[in-house]
Protein backbone atom coordinates (compact mmCIF):
# COMPACT_ATOMS: atom_id res chain seq x y z
CA UNK A 1 -39.50 -44.08 -32.16
CA UNK A 2 -38.45 -40.86 -33.80
CA UNK A 3 -35.07 -39.33 -33.43
CA UNK A 4 -36.04 -36.90 -30.53
CA UNK A 5 -37.04 -39.86 -28.29
CA UNK A 6 -34.23 -42.34 -29.19
CA UNK A 7 -32.07 -42.66 -25.86
CA UNK A 8 -28.47 -42.02 -26.03
CA UNK A 9 -26.47 -45.30 -26.08
CA UNK A 10 -24.44 -44.44 -23.13
CA UNK A 11 -27.76 -43.87 -21.19
CA UNK A 12 -29.25 -47.36 -22.05
CA UNK A 13 -28.97 -50.30 -20.01
CA UNK A 14 -26.35 -52.80 -21.34
CA UNK A 15 -28.88 -55.54 -22.35
CA UNK A 16 -31.20 -52.90 -24.14
CA UNK A 17 -28.28 -51.45 -26.09
CA UNK A 18 -27.14 -54.96 -27.02
CA UNK A 19 -30.61 -56.06 -28.12
CA UNK A 20 -31.17 -52.81 -30.42
CA UNK A 21 -27.56 -53.48 -31.89
CA UNK A 22 -28.49 -57.09 -32.69
CA UNK A 23 -31.66 -55.78 -34.37
CA UNK A 24 -29.73 -53.32 -36.36
CA UNK A 25 -27.33 -55.96 -37.59
CA UNK A 26 -30.12 -58.28 -38.53
CA UNK A 27 -31.81 -55.36 -40.53
CA UNK A 28 -28.56 -54.57 -42.31
CA UNK A 29 -27.73 -58.20 -43.18
CA UNK A 30 -31.36 -58.58 -44.54
CA UNK A 31 -30.36 -56.16 -47.46
CA UNK A 32 -33.86 -54.94 -47.69
CA UNK A 33 -33.25 -51.22 -46.33
CA UNK A 34 -32.86 -48.38 -48.49
CA UNK A 35 -29.45 -46.74 -48.62
CA UNK A 36 -30.34 -43.66 -46.39
CA UNK A 37 -31.95 -45.98 -43.76
CA UNK A 38 -29.03 -48.33 -43.87
CA UNK A 39 -26.56 -45.47 -43.02
CA UNK A 40 -28.72 -44.14 -40.29
CA UNK A 41 -28.84 -47.35 -38.82
CA UNK A 42 -25.26 -48.11 -39.33
CA UNK A 43 -24.37 -44.93 -37.40
CA UNK A 44 -26.69 -45.84 -34.58
CA UNK A 45 -25.12 -49.34 -34.38
CA UNK A 46 -21.62 -47.74 -34.12
CA UNK A 47 -22.68 -45.43 -31.33
CA UNK A 48 -24.25 -48.51 -29.60
CA UNK A 49 -21.16 -50.62 -30.02
CA UNK A 50 -18.93 -47.88 -28.56
CA UNK A 51 -21.19 -47.57 -25.79
CA UNK A 52 -21.29 -51.15 -25.12
CA UNK A 53 -17.46 -51.55 -25.12
CA UNK A 54 -17.20 -48.68 -22.72
CA UNK A 55 -19.63 -50.38 -20.30
CA UNK A 56 -17.70 -53.63 -20.68
CA UNK A 57 -14.37 -51.89 -20.10
CA UNK A 58 -15.68 -50.20 -16.85
CA UNK A 59 -17.10 -53.57 -15.73
CA UNK A 60 -13.73 -55.22 -16.48
CA UNK A 61 -11.88 -52.64 -14.25
CA UNK A 62 -14.21 -52.99 -11.44
CA UNK A 63 -13.78 -56.72 -11.47
CA UNK A 64 -9.99 -56.31 -11.59
CA UNK A 65 -10.08 -53.91 -8.60
CA UNK A 66 -12.33 -56.13 -6.68
CA UNK A 67 -9.85 -59.18 -7.42
CA UNK A 68 -7.03 -57.08 -6.38
CA UNK A 69 -8.74 -56.14 -3.10
CA UNK A 70 -9.68 -59.72 -2.33
CA UNK A 71 -5.91 -60.70 -2.99
CA UNK A 72 -4.15 -58.04 -0.89
CA UNK A 73 -5.33 -59.48 2.51
CA UNK A 74 -4.46 -63.05 1.50
CA UNK A 75 -1.01 -62.08 0.40
CA UNK A 76 -0.24 -60.03 3.38
CA UNK A 77 -1.57 -62.56 5.70
CA UNK A 78 0.47 -65.25 3.87
CA UNK A 79 3.74 -63.28 3.71
CA UNK A 80 3.56 -62.62 7.43
CA UNK A 81 3.09 -66.21 8.20
CA UNK A 82 6.05 -67.38 5.95
CA UNK A 83 8.20 -64.31 6.74
CA UNK A 84 8.58 -63.42 3.09
CA UNK A 85 7.44 -59.93 3.11
CA UNK A 86 10.20 -57.25 2.74
CA UNK A 87 9.40 -55.73 6.08
CA UNK A 88 9.85 -59.08 7.80
CA UNK A 89 12.90 -59.89 5.94
CA UNK A 90 14.49 -56.43 6.76
CA UNK A 91 13.79 -56.78 10.37
CA UNK A 92 15.22 -60.16 10.73
CA UNK A 93 17.53 -60.30 7.98
CA UNK A 94 20.76 -60.08 9.92
CA UNK A 95 22.14 -60.34 13.28
CA UNK A 96 23.40 -56.75 12.89
CA UNK A 97 19.97 -55.39 12.68
CA UNK A 98 18.97 -57.07 15.74
CA UNK A 99 21.91 -55.89 17.78
CA UNK A 100 21.62 -52.47 16.67
CA UNK A 101 17.97 -52.59 17.69
CA UNK A 102 19.27 -53.57 21.16
CA UNK A 103 21.66 -50.79 21.46
CA UNK A 104 19.09 -48.20 20.78
CA UNK A 105 16.84 -49.51 23.43
CA UNK A 106 19.41 -49.20 26.30
C-alpha cells in the first residue's frame, strides 16, 4: 500500500486499526527495519494509537450515557415509592405546607 492509499486512522474500523498497530509494533520490535522505515512506522503507530484512544473514549461516553439513562427511571420510581425524592419530601414535609395548601384551595 503506498502512502496515497493508506486510510486515515480515524476513518478505519477499530479492529482494522488495532490490527495494523499490532503489526507495526511487531515490526519495530523485530529490529530488522531501516531507520527511515522505523520512523515512518512509528509515526503511523502514534496516529493509530491516538485514533484508537479517541474511539475508546467515545464508546466509554456512550456506555456511561446509556447506563445513566437506564438508572434514571429506576431512581425516580424507587424514590417515589419510598417518598425520598426532594419533591415528595417538600410536599409532605410539614403540617404547615399541607394546611397552607388547604387555605389556597378555599
